[in-house]
């Protein structure tokens, strides 16, 4: 049985761990407010940008830009994997890596080569562990203040690679923030840019346009040359904002659960300590009573 000193040492160690987890919970909650504010402020812009782009794409047609035209045969696929740089956020990174693993397995079944651009150390380390080609990596982006120029630089490289036929398709895997306790790994196609879907989920067609007509100057074809690459940047930036917000939410939840677990451990250890102390006191009393009875005899 553990001695009183051993139990007391464990209680003090758990109390110190609780202080750490509680502090990390507060830090994550503070960062979550800022990240969530930026994400929610950007969502209307991304949504309206997609609406306008859908309207212009309908006017110009699929052949207006090589970024809209799918390849006849897909042999090389590239994915942007957005994860965090640090751990202690529950199953956040493992869920993203499992989604990436399933995607790679599906592509290999079709004899398609897969390469990655890793945003975050956890995704990069997963690619290295599984010997998957890493074309580029960006560390220290997710979890901090995400800048648009990082997304635009990464997007520009991918567009050039797609136009040079280094990749046939480009996807992004990120964590969509749906609430403090709910973050879902999502895969979206970036290149070639897929048809913009209507609100009811049906693809747009010429007979039933779902968007109001936008009068543009210059023509829609000329505007698409500028807006289609920007759409890729916007999608990458939005994915990074979503992942950053999800990371803080996941870490806050994980640290909150860890703090509660520390409380439970302290309660259990305190009961063990009290029982051991009571047993020690009872033993001492028995010795005293036994000694007194011996002296009487």
C-alpha atoms as a PDB file:
ATOM      1  CA  UNK A   1       0.000   0.000   0.000  1.00  0.00           C
ATOM      2  CA  UNK A   2       1.234   3.499  -0.852  1.00  0.00           C
ATOM      3  CA  UNK A   3       2.557   5.535   2.047  1.00  0.00           C
ATOM      4  CA  UNK A   4       1.035   8.855   3.076  1.00  0.00           C
ATOM      5  CA  UNK A   5       4.021  10.697   1.611  1.00  0.00           C
ATOM      6  CA  UNK A   6       3.647   8.983  -1.777  1.00  0.00           C
ATOM      7  CA  UNK A   7      -0.060   9.793  -1.981  1.00  0.00           C
ATOM      8  CA  UNK A   8       0.544  13.400  -0.938  1.00  0.00           C
ATOM      9  CA  UNK A   9       3.228  13.728  -3.621  1.00  0.00           C
ATOM     10  CA  UNK A  10       0.809  12.429  -6.268  1.00  0.00           C
ATOM     11  CA  UNK A  11      -1.891  14.871  -5.145  1.00  0.00           C
ATOM     12  CA  UNK A  12       0.521  17.816  -5.412  1.00  0.00           C
ATOM     13  CA  UNK A  13       1.677  16.660  -8.867  1.00  0.00           C
ATOM     14  CA  UNK A  14      -1.920  16.390 -10.135  1.00  0.00           C
ATOM     15  CA  UNK A  15      -2.704  19.843  -8.712  1.00  0.00           C
ATOM     16  CA  UNK A  16       0.210  21.330 -10.650  1.00  0.00           C
ATOM     17  CA  UNK A  17      -0.957  19.567 -13.816  1.00  0.00           C
ATOM     18  CA  UNK A  18      -4.432  20.999 -13.239  1.00  0.00           C
ATOM     19  CA  UNK A  19      -2.968  24.508 -13.045  1.00  0.00           C
ATOM     20  CA  UNK A  20      -1.250  23.977 -16.400  1.00  0.00           C
ATOM     21  CA  UNK A  21      -4.332  22.577 -18.151  1.00  0.00           C
ATOM     22  CA  UNK A  22      -6.520  25.339 -16.758  1.00  0.00           C
ATOM     23  CA  UNK A  23      -4.089  27.993 -17.983  1.00  0.00           C
ATOM     24  CA  UNK A  24      -3.921  26.382 -21.440  1.00  0.00           C
ATOM     25  CA  UNK A  25      -7.716  26.266 -21.517  1.00  0.00           C
ATOM     26  CA  UNK A  26      -7.881  30.019 -20.841  1.00  0.00           C
ATOM     27  CA  UNK A  27      -5.238  30.770 -23.489  1.00  0.00           C
ATOM     28  CA  UNK A  28      -7.067  28.639 -26.075  1.00  0.00           C
ATOM     29  CA  UNK A  29     -10.374  30.356 -25.236  1.00  0.00           C
ATOM     30  CA  UNK A  30      -8.772  33.771 -25.704  1.00  0.00           C
ATOM     31  CA  UNK A  31      -7.248  32.819 -29.060  1.00  0.00           C
ATOM     32  CA  UNK A  32     -10.479  31.175 -30.138  1.00  0.00           C
ATOM     33  CA  UNK A  33     -12.396  34.440 -29.828  1.00  0.00           C
ATOM     34  CA  UNK A  34      -9.989  36.226 -32.159  1.00  0.00           C
ATOM     35  CA  UNK A  35      -9.766  33.383 -34.690  1.00  0.00           C
ATOM     36  CA  UNK A  36     -13.521  32.858 -34.732  1.00  0.00           C
ATOM     37  CA  UNK A  37     -14.106  36.558 -35.287  1.00  0.00           C
ATOM     38  CA  UNK A  38     -11.801  36.604 -38.319  1.00  0.00           C
ATOM     39  CA  UNK A  39     -13.334  33.426 -39.713  1.00  0.00           C
ATOM     40  CA  UNK A  40     -16.926  34.665 -39.356  1.00  0.00           C
ATOM     41  CA  UNK A  41     -15.985  38.017 -40.881  1.00  0.00           C
ATOM     42  CA  UNK A  42     -14.459  36.301 -43.927  1.00  0.00           C
ATOM     43  CA  UNK A  43     -17.269  33.829 -44.572  1.00  0.00           C
ATOM     44  CA  UNK A  44     -19.695  36.377 -46.172  1.00  0.00           C
ATOM     45  CA  UNK A  45     -16.919  37.583 -48.489  1.00  0.00           C
ATOM     46  CA  UNK A  46     -16.074  34.034 -49.581  1.00  0.00           C
ATOM     47  CA  UNK A  47     -19.770  33.250 -50.105  1.00  0.00           C
ATOM     48  CA  UNK A  48     -20.410  36.376 -52.196  1.00  0.00           C
ATOM     49  CA  UNK A  49     -17.220  35.838 -54.158  1.00  0.00           C
ATOM     50  CA  UNK A  50     -18.429  32.340 -55.070  1.00  0.00           C
ATOM     51  CA  UNK A  51     -21.823  33.759 -56.127  1.00  0.00           C
ATOM     52  CA  UNK A  52     -20.277  36.317 -58.478  1.00  0.00           C
ATOM     53  CA  UNK A  53     -17.814  33.766 -59.840  1.00  0.00           C
ATOM     54  CA  UNK A  54     -20.664  31.364 -60.529  1.00  0.00           C
ATOM     55  CA  UNK A  55     -22.528  34.022 -62.473  1.00  0.00           C
ATOM     56  CA  UNK A  56     -19.483  34.896 -64.581  1.00  0.00           C
ATOM     57  CA  UNK A  57     -18.676  31.214 -65.208  1.00  0.00           C
ATOM     58  CA  UNK A  58     -22.196  30.664 -66.539  1.00  0.00           C
ATOM     59  CA  UNK A  59     -21.738  33.496 -69.033  1.00  0.00           C
ATOM     60  CA  UNK A  60     -18.275  32.518 -70.199  1.00  0.00           C
ATOM     61  CA  UNK A  61     -18.630  28.749 -70.295  1.00  0.00           C
ATOM     62  CA  UNK A  62     -16.206  25.990 -69.314  1.00  0.00           C
ATOM     63  CA  UNK A  63     -13.718  26.710 -72.087  1.00  0.00           C
ATOM     64  CA  UNK A  64     -13.128  30.296 -70.952  1.00  0.00           C
ATOM     65  CA  UNK A  65     -10.175  29.299 -68.769  1.00  0.00           C
ATOM     66  CA  UNK A  66      -7.914  26.241 -68.432  1.00  0.00           C
ATOM     67  CA  UNK A  67      -8.579  26.403 -64.681  1.00  0.00           C
ATOM     68  CA  UNK A  68     -12.168  25.312 -65.371  1.00  0.00           C
ATOM     69  CA  UNK A  69     -11.447  22.424 -67.730  1.00  0.00           C
ATOM     70  CA  UNK A  70     -11.125  18.943 -66.198  1.00  0.00           C
ATOM     71  CA  UNK A  71      -8.405  16.628 -67.509  1.00  0.00           C
ATOM     72  CA  UNK A  72      -9.319  13.667 -69.675  1.00  0.00           C
ATOM     73  CA  UNK A  73      -7.243  11.349 -67.511  1.00  0.00           C
ATOM     74  CA  UNK A  74      -6.255  11.915 -63.883  1.00  0.00           C
ATOM     75  CA  UNK A  75      -2.852  10.479 -62.991  1.00  0.00           C
ATOM     76  CA  UNK A  76      -1.389  12.977 -60.518  1.00  0.00           C
ATOM     77  CA  UNK A  77      -3.338  14.431 -57.599  1.00  0.00           C
ATOM     78  CA  UNK A  78      -2.123  17.000 -55.107  1.00  0.00           C
ATOM     79  CA  UNK A  79      -3.618  17.800 -51.719  1.00  0.00           C
ATOM     80  CA  UNK A  80      -3.195  20.672 -49.261  1.00  0.00           C
ATOM     81  CA  UNK A  81      -3.283  19.159 -45.760  1.00  0.00           C
ATOM     82  CA  UNK A  82      -4.095  21.675 -43.011  1.00  0.00           C
ATOM     83  CA  UNK A  83      -3.172  20.560 -39.481  1.00  0.00           C
ATOM     84  CA  UNK A  84      -1.775  22.202 -36.359  1.00  0.00           C
ATOM     85  CA  UNK A  85       1.841  22.642 -35.334  1.00  0.00           C
ATOM     86  CA  UNK A  86       1.233  21.559 -31.733  1.00  0.00           C
ATOM     87  CA  UNK A  87      -0.566  18.737 -29.995  1.00  0.00           C
ATOM     88  CA  UNK A  88      -2.688  18.648 -26.833  1.00  0.00           C
ATOM     89  CA  UNK A  89      -5.876  19.213 -28.827  1.00  0.00           C
ATOM     90  CA  UNK A  90      -7.586  15.842 -28.521  1.00  0.00           C
ATOM     91  CA  UNK A  91      -8.275  13.956 -31.727  1.00  0.00           C
ATOM     92  CA  UNK A  92      -8.084  17.062 -33.916  1.00  0.00           C
ATOM     93  CA  UNK A  93      -4.960  16.128 -35.882  1.00  0.00           C
ATOM     94  CA  UNK A  94      -5.592  12.382 -35.889  1.00  0.00           C
ATOM     95  CA  UNK A  95      -9.021  12.923 -37.468  1.00  0.00           C
ATOM     96  CA  UNK A  96      -7.473  14.999 -40.261  1.00  0.00           C
ATOM     97  CA  UNK A  97      -4.688  12.471 -40.809  1.00  0.00           C
ATOM     98  CA  UNK A  98      -7.168   9.597 -40.922  1.00  0.00           C
ATOM     99  CA  UNK A  99      -9.164  11.471 -43.561  1.00  0.00           C
ATOM    100  CA  UNK A 100      -5.976  12.011 -45.569  1.00  0.00           C
ATOM    101  CA  UNK A 101      -5.073   8.322 -45.186  1.00  0.00           C
ATOM    102  CA  UNK A 102      -8.452   7.255 -46.581  1.00  0.00           C
ATOM    103  CA  UNK A 103      -8.058   9.705 -49.479  1.00  0.00           C
ATOM    104  CA  UNK A 104      -4.589   8.365 -50.340  1.00  0.00           C
ATOM    105  CA  UNK A 105      -5.810   4.774 -50.196  1.00  0.00           C
ATOM    106  CA  UNK A 106      -8.703   5.601 -52.530  1.00  0.00           C
ATOM    107  CA  UNK A 107      -6.381   7.296 -55.029  1.00  0.00           C
ATOM    108  CA  UNK A 108      -3.909   4.409 -54.976  1.00  0.00           C
ATOM    109  CA  UNK A 109      -6.733   2.013 -55.792  1.00  0.00           C
ATOM    110  CA  UNK A 110      -7.181   4.041 -58.987  1.00  0.00           C
ATOM    111  CA  UNK A 111      -3.403   4.034 -59.684  1.00  0.00           C
ATOM    112  CA  UNK A 112      -3.120   7.771 -59.052  1.00  0.00           C
ATOM    113  CA  UNK A 113       0.019   9.359 -57.604  1.00  0.00           C
ATOM    114  CA  UNK A 114      -0.615  11.624 -54.595  1.00  0.00           C
ATOM    115  CA  UNK A 115       1.568  14.418 -53.257  1.00  0.00           C
ATOM    116  CA  UNK A 116       0.985  16.901 -50.455  1.00  0.00           C
ATOM    117  CA  UNK A 117       1.488  20.491 -49.395  1.00  0.00           C
ATOM    118  CA  UNK A 118       1.585  20.444 -45.591  1.00  0.00           C
ATOM    119  CA  UNK A 119       0.355  23.337 -43.477  1.00  0.00           C
ATOM    120  CA  UNK A 120       1.423  22.393 -39.945  1.00  0.00           C
ATOM    121  CA  UNK A 121       3.997  20.066 -38.368  1.00  0.00           C
ATOM    122  CA  UNK A 122       1.517  17.315 -37.541  1.00  0.00           C
ATOM    123  CA  UNK A 123       0.504  16.857 -41.159  1.00  0.00           C
ATOM    124  CA  UNK A 124       4.112  17.072 -42.353  1.00  0.00           C
ATOM    125  CA  UNK A 125       5.221  14.459 -39.814  1.00  0.00           C
ATOM    126  CA  UNK A 126       2.373  12.174 -40.861  1.00  0.00           C
ATOM    127  CA  UNK A 127       3.437  12.435 -44.512  1.00  0.00           C
ATOM    128  CA  UNK A 128       7.041  11.653 -43.615  1.00  0.00           C
ATOM    129  CA  UNK A 129       6.020   8.693 -41.474  1.00  0.00           C
ATOM    130  CA  UNK A 130       3.965   7.230 -44.323  1.00  0.00           C
ATOM    131  CA  UNK A 131       6.610   8.110 -46.961  1.00  0.00           C
ATOM    132  CA  UNK A 132       4.288  10.367 -48.925  1.00  0.00           C
ATOM    133  CA  UNK A 133       5.789  12.994 -51.229  1.00  0.00           C
ATOM    134  CA  UNK A 134       5.767  16.504 -49.720  1.00  0.00           C
ATOM    135  CA  UNK A 135       5.994  19.156 -52.418  1.00  0.00           C
ATOM    136  CA  UNK A 136       5.951  22.096 -49.996  1.00  0.00           C
ATOM    137  CA  UNK A 137       5.464  22.804 -46.297  1.00  0.00           C
ATOM    138  CA  UNK A 138       4.369  25.829 -44.265  1.00  0.00           C
ATOM    139  CA  UNK A 139       4.993  25.806 -40.518  1.00  0.00           C
ATOM    140  CA  UNK A 140       3.780  28.263 -37.899  1.00  0.00           C
ATOM    141  CA  UNK A 141       0.775  29.361 -39.987  1.00  0.00           C
ATOM    142  CA  UNK A 142      -2.189  27.474 -38.521  1.00  0.00           C
ATOM    143  CA  UNK A 143      -2.875  28.449 -34.934  1.00  0.00           C
ATOM    144  CA  UNK A 144      -1.432  31.928 -35.290  1.00  0.00           C
ATOM    145  CA  UNK A 145      -2.604  34.977 -37.209  1.00  0.00           C
ATOM    146  CA  UNK A 146      -3.234  33.624 -40.701  1.00  0.00           C
ATOM    147  CA  UNK A 147      -2.207  36.076 -43.433  1.00  0.00           C
ATOM    148  CA  UNK A 148      -3.769  36.163 -46.891  1.00  0.00           C
ATOM    149  CA  UNK A 149      -0.394  36.453 -48.633  1.00  0.00           C
ATOM    150  CA  UNK A 150       0.545  32.979 -47.344  1.00  0.00           C
ATOM    151  CA  UNK A 151      -2.557  31.512 -48.998  1.00  0.00           C
ATOM    152  CA  UNK A 152      -1.984  33.484 -52.209  1.00  0.00           C
ATOM    153  CA  UNK A 153       1.661  32.385 -52.483  1.00  0.00           C
ATOM    154  CA  UNK A 154       0.724  28.736 -51.967  1.00  0.00           C
ATOM    155  CA  UNK A 155      -2.171  29.054 -54.405  1.00  0.00           C
ATOM    156  CA  UNK A 156       0.016  30.673 -57.062  1.00  0.00           C
ATOM    157  CA  UNK A 157       2.469  27.771 -56.938  1.00  0.00           C
ATOM    158  CA  UNK A 158      -0.358  25.262 -57.277  1.00  0.00           C
ATOM    159  CA  UNK A 159      -1.917  27.119 -60.220  1.00  0.00           C
ATOM    160  CA  UNK A 160       1.395  27.179 -62.067  1.00  0.00           C
ATOM    161  CA  UNK A 161       1.898  23.471 -61.360  1.00  0.00           C
ATOM    162  CA  UNK A 162      -1.619  22.703 -62.590  1.00  0.00           C
ATOM    163  CA  UNK A 163      -1.190  24.708 -65.790  1.00  0.00           C
ATOM    164  CA  UNK A 164       2.156  22.995 -66.407  1.00  0.00           C
ATOM    165  CA  UNK A 165       0.364  19.638 -66.023  1.00  0.00           C
ATOM    166  CA  UNK A 166       2.356  18.661 -62.943  1.00  0.00           C
ATOM    167  CA  UNK A 167      -0.978  17.973 -61.241  1.00  0.00           C
ATOM    168  CA  UNK A 168      -4.256  16.896 -62.772  1.00  0.00           C
ATOM    169  CA  UNK A 169      -6.361  17.729 -59.721  1.00  0.00           C
ATOM    170  CA  UNK A 170      -5.763  19.725 -56.540  1.00  0.00           C
ATOM    171  CA  UNK A 171      -7.709  19.295 -53.288  1.00  0.00           C
ATOM    172  CA  UNK A 172      -7.655  20.869 -49.842  1.00  0.00           C
ATOM    173  CA  UNK A 173      -8.276  18.983 -46.603  1.00  0.00           C
ATOM    174  CA  UNK A 174      -9.177  21.134 -43.607  1.00  0.00           C
ATOM    175  CA  UNK A 175     -11.253  21.097 -40.437  1.00  0.00           C
ATOM    176  CA  UNK A 176     -14.585  22.894 -40.752  1.00  0.00           C
ATOM    177  CA  UNK A 177     -15.589  24.741 -37.580  1.00  0.00           C
ATOM    178  CA  UNK A 178     -19.205  23.999 -36.670  1.00  0.00           C
ATOM    179  CA  UNK A 179     -19.058  24.692 -32.956  1.00  0.00           C
ATOM    180  CA  UNK A 180     -16.911  24.462 -29.851  1.00  0.00           C
ATOM    181  CA  UNK A 181     -17.387  20.706 -29.619  1.00  0.00           C
ATOM    182  CA  UNK A 182     -17.753  19.900 -33.330  1.00  0.00           C
ATOM    183  CA  UNK A 183     -15.058  20.183 -36.002  1.00  0.00           C
ATOM    184  CA  UNK A 184     -15.419  18.073 -39.135  1.00  0.00           C
ATOM    185  CA  UNK A 185     -12.607  17.162 -41.604  1.00  0.00           C
ATOM    186  CA  UNK A 186     -13.633  18.303 -45.083  1.00  0.00           C
ATOM    187  CA  UNK A 187     -12.147  17.711 -48.551  1.00  0.00           C
ATOM    188  CA  UNK A 188     -12.845  20.218 -51.326  1.00  0.00           C
ATOM    189  CA  UNK A 189     -11.593  20.339 -54.889  1.00  0.00           C
ATOM    190  CA  UNK A 190      -9.606  23.443 -55.817  1.00  0.00           C
ATOM    191  CA  UNK A 191      -8.424  22.682 -59.362  1.00  0.00           C
ATOM    192  CA  UNK A 192      -9.903  22.358 -61.836  1.00  0.00           C
ATOM    193  CA  UNK A 193     -12.440  24.710 -60.280  1.00  0.00           C
ATOM    194  CA  UNK A 194     -15.670  22.673 -59.942  1.00  0.00           C
ATOM    195  CA  UNK A 195     -19.053  24.054 -61.068  1.00  0.00           C
ATOM    196  CA  UNK A 196     -20.602  26.382 -58.519  1.00  0.00           C
ATOM    197  CA  UNK A 197     -23.647  24.665 -57.043  1.00  0.00           C
ATOM    198  CA  UNK A 198     -27.005  26.222 -56.368  1.00  0.00           C
ATOM    199  CA  UNK A 199     -28.341  26.539 -52.833  1.00  0.00           C
ATOM    200  CA  UNK A 200     -30.495  23.404 -53.198  1.00  0.00           C
ATOM    201  CA  UNK A 201     -27.393  21.386 -54.108  1.00  0.00           C
ATOM    202  CA  UNK A 202     -28.153  21.051 -57.838  1.00  0.00           C
ATOM    203  CA  UNK A 203     -25.451  22.213 -60.276  1.00  0.00           C
ATOM    204  CA  UNK A 204     -26.179  25.417 -62.120  1.00  0.00           C
ATOM    205  CA  UNK A 205     -27.354  25.108 -65.733  1.00  0.00           C
ATOM    206  CA  UNK A 206     -28.321  27.505 -68.498  1.00  0.00           C
ATOM    207  CA  UNK A 207     -32.054  26.820 -68.265  1.00  0.00           C
ATOM    208  CA  UNK A 208     -32.360  27.553 -64.541  1.00  0.00           C
ATOM    209  CA  UNK A 209     -29.834  30.182 -63.518  1.00  0.00           C
ATOM    210  CA  UNK A 210     -29.695  30.473 -59.740  1.00  0.00           C
ATOM    211  CA  UNK A 211     -27.882  33.822 -59.584  1.00  0.00           C
ATOM    212  CA  UNK A 212     -28.877  37.284 -60.603  1.00  0.00           C
ATOM    213  CA  UNK A 213     -27.113  38.442 -63.750  1.00  0.00           C
ATOM    214  CA  UNK A 214     -24.086  40.601 -63.091  1.00  0.00           C
ATOM    215  CA  UNK A 215     -23.381  43.357 -65.617  1.00  0.00           C
ATOM    216  CA  UNK A 216     -19.612  43.531 -65.938  1.00  0.00           C
ATOM    217  CA  UNK A 217     -17.098  45.799 -67.580  1.00  0.00           C
ATOM    218  CA  UNK A 218     -14.799  44.477 -69.035  1.00  0.00           C
ATOM    219  CA  UNK A 219     -16.301  41.226 -70.291  1.00  0.00           C
ATOM    220  CA  UNK A 220     -16.835  38.109 -68.195  1.00  0.00           C
ATOM    221  CA  UNK A 221     -14.011  36.298 -70.028  1.00  0.00           C
ATOM    222  CA  UNK A 222     -11.507  38.984 -69.090  1.00  0.00           C
ATOM    223  CA  UNK A 223     -12.672  39.117 -65.492  1.00  0.00           C
ATOM    224  CA  UNK A 224     -12.390  35.353 -65.097  1.00  0.00           C
ATOM    225  CA  UNK A 225      -8.661  35.504 -65.816  1.00  0.00           C
ATOM    226  CA  UNK A 226      -8.317  37.612 -62.687  1.00  0.00           C
ATOM    227  CA  UNK A 227     -11.022  36.104 -60.494  1.00  0.00           C
ATOM    228  CA  UNK A 228     -10.430  32.384 -60.982  1.00  0.00           C
ATOM    229  CA  UNK A 229      -6.902  32.434 -59.482  1.00  0.00           C
ATOM    230  CA  UNK A 230      -8.181  34.653 -56.676  1.00  0.00           C
ATOM    231  CA  UNK A 231     -10.893  32.095 -55.999  1.00  0.00           C
ATOM    232  CA  UNK A 232      -8.175  29.523 -55.298  1.00  0.00           C
ATOM    233  CA  UNK A 233      -6.481  31.939 -52.891  1.00  0.00           C
ATOM    234  CA  UNK A 234      -9.790  32.640 -51.150  1.00  0.00           C
ATOM    235  CA  UNK A 235     -10.535  28.936 -50.730  1.00  0.00           C
ATOM    236  CA  UNK A 236      -7.102  28.213 -49.249  1.00  0.00           C
ATOM    237  CA  UNK A 237      -7.309  31.211 -46.926  1.00  0.00           C
ATOM    238  CA  UNK A 238     -10.797  30.181 -45.799  1.00  0.00           C
ATOM    239  CA  UNK A 239      -9.562  26.619 -45.118  1.00  0.00           C
ATOM    240  CA  UNK A 240      -6.685  27.962 -43.007  1.00  0.00           C
ATOM    241  CA  UNK A 241      -9.030  30.198 -40.999  1.00  0.00           C
ATOM    242  CA  UNK A 242     -11.434  27.312 -40.418  1.00  0.00           C
ATOM    243  CA  UNK A 243      -8.613  24.994 -39.344  1.00  0.00           C
ATOM    244  CA  UNK A 244      -7.075  27.590 -37.031  1.00  0.00           C
ATOM    245  CA  UNK A 245     -10.406  28.214 -35.322  1.00  0.00           C
ATOM    246  CA  UNK A 246     -11.070  24.481 -35.044  1.00  0.00           C
ATOM    247  CA  UNK A 247      -7.650  23.897 -33.489  1.00  0.00           C
ATOM    248  CA  UNK A 248      -8.259  26.436 -30.708  1.00  0.00           C
ATOM    249  CA  UNK A 249     -11.728  25.020 -30.060  1.00  0.00           C
ATOM    250  CA  UNK A 250     -10.398  21.454 -29.931  1.00  0.00           C
ATOM    251  CA  UNK A 251      -7.562  22.450 -27.589  1.00  0.00           C
ATOM    252  CA  UNK A 252      -9.942  24.353 -25.309  1.00  0.00           C
ATOM    253  CA  UNK A 253     -12.232  21.317 -25.108  1.00  0.00           C
ATOM    254  CA  UNK A 254      -9.313  18.932 -24.531  1.00  0.00           C
ATOM    255  CA  UNK A 255      -7.830  21.085 -21.761  1.00  0.00           C
ATOM    256  CA  UNK A 256     -11.253  21.472 -20.152  1.00  0.00           C
ATOM    257  CA  UNK A 257     -11.645  17.674 -20.124  1.00  0.00           C
ATOM    258  CA  UNK A 258      -8.121  17.302 -18.744  1.00  0.00           C
ATOM    259  CA  UNK A 259      -8.907  19.765 -15.933  1.00  0.00           C
ATOM    260  CA  UNK A 260     -12.027  17.778 -15.029  1.00  0.00           C
ATOM    261  CA  UNK A 261      -9.984  14.563 -15.078  1.00  0.00           C
ATOM    262  CA  UNK A 262      -7.491  16.165 -12.692  1.00  0.00           C
ATOM    263  CA  UNK A 263     -10.347  17.052 -10.340  1.00  0.00           C
ATOM    264  CA  UNK A 264     -11.498  13.425 -10.375  1.00  0.00           C
ATOM    265  CA  UNK A 265      -7.966  12.164  -9.730  1.00  0.00           C
ATOM    266  CA  UNK A 266      -7.486  14.601  -6.850  1.00  0.00           C
ATOM    267  CA  UNK A 267     -10.774  13.458  -5.320  1.00  0.00           C
ATOM    268  CA  UNK A 268      -9.819   9.773  -5.612  1.00  0.00           C
ATOM    269  CA  UNK A 269      -6.305  10.353  -4.287  1.00  0.00           C
ATOM    270  CA  UNK A 270      -7.682  12.402  -1.391  1.00  0.00           C
ATOM    271  CA  UNK A 271      -9.953   9.510  -0.433  1.00  0.00           C
ATOM    272  CA  UNK A 272      -6.985   7.121  -0.581  1.00  0.00           C
ATOM    273  CA  UNK A 273      -4.939   9.567   1.504  1.00  0.00           C
ATOM    274  CA  UNK A 274      -7.682   9.881   4.118  1.00  0.00           C
ATOM    275  CA  UNK A 275      -8.094   6.107   4.326  1.00  0.00           C
ATOM    276  CA  UNK A 276      -4.370   5.601   4.717  1.00  0.00           C
ATOM    277  CA  UNK A 277      -4.202   8.356   7.332  1.00  0.00           C
ATOM    278  CA  UNK A 278      -7.133   6.872   9.205  1.00  0.00           C
ATOM    279  CA  UNK A 279      -5.512   3.443   9.108  1.00  0.00           C
ATOM    280  CA  UNK A 280      -2.274   4.913  10.445  1.00  0.00           C
ATOM    281  CA  UNK A 281      -4.126   6.705  13.272  1.00  0.00           C
ATOM    282  CA  UNK A 282      -6.060   3.534  14.114  1.00  0.00           C
ATOM    283  CA  UNK A 283      -2.825   1.563  14.196  1.00  0.00           C
ATOM    284  CA  UNK A 284      -1.199   4.102  16.518  1.00  0.00           C
ATOM    285  CA  UNK A 285      -4.226   4.068  18.830  1.00  0.00           C
ATOM    286  CA  UNK A 286      -4.129   0.263  18.937  1.00  0.00           C
ATOM    287  CA  UNK A 287      -0.443   0.417  19.883  1.00  0.00           C
ATOM    288  CA  UNK A 288      -1.175   2.930  22.659  1.00  0.00           C
ATOM    289  CA  UNK A 289      -4.096   0.925  24.014  1.00  0.00           C
ATOM    290  CA  UNK A 290      -2.091  -2.287  23.805  1.00  0.00           C
ATOM    291  CA  UNK A 291       0.809  -0.664  25.649  1.00  0.00           C
ATOM    292  CA  UNK A 292      -1.495   0.708  28.365  1.00  0.00           C
ATOM    293  CA  UNK A 293      -3.105  -2.704  28.844  1.00  0.00           C
ATOM    294  CA  UNK A 294       0.332  -4.289  29.099  1.00  0.00           C
ATOM    295  CA  UNK A 295       1.401  -1.837  31.810  1.00  0.00           C
ATOM    296  CA  UNK A 296      -1.791  -2.572  33.777  1.00  0.00           C
ATOM    297  CA  UNK A 297      -1.099  -6.271  33.587  1.00  0.00           C
END
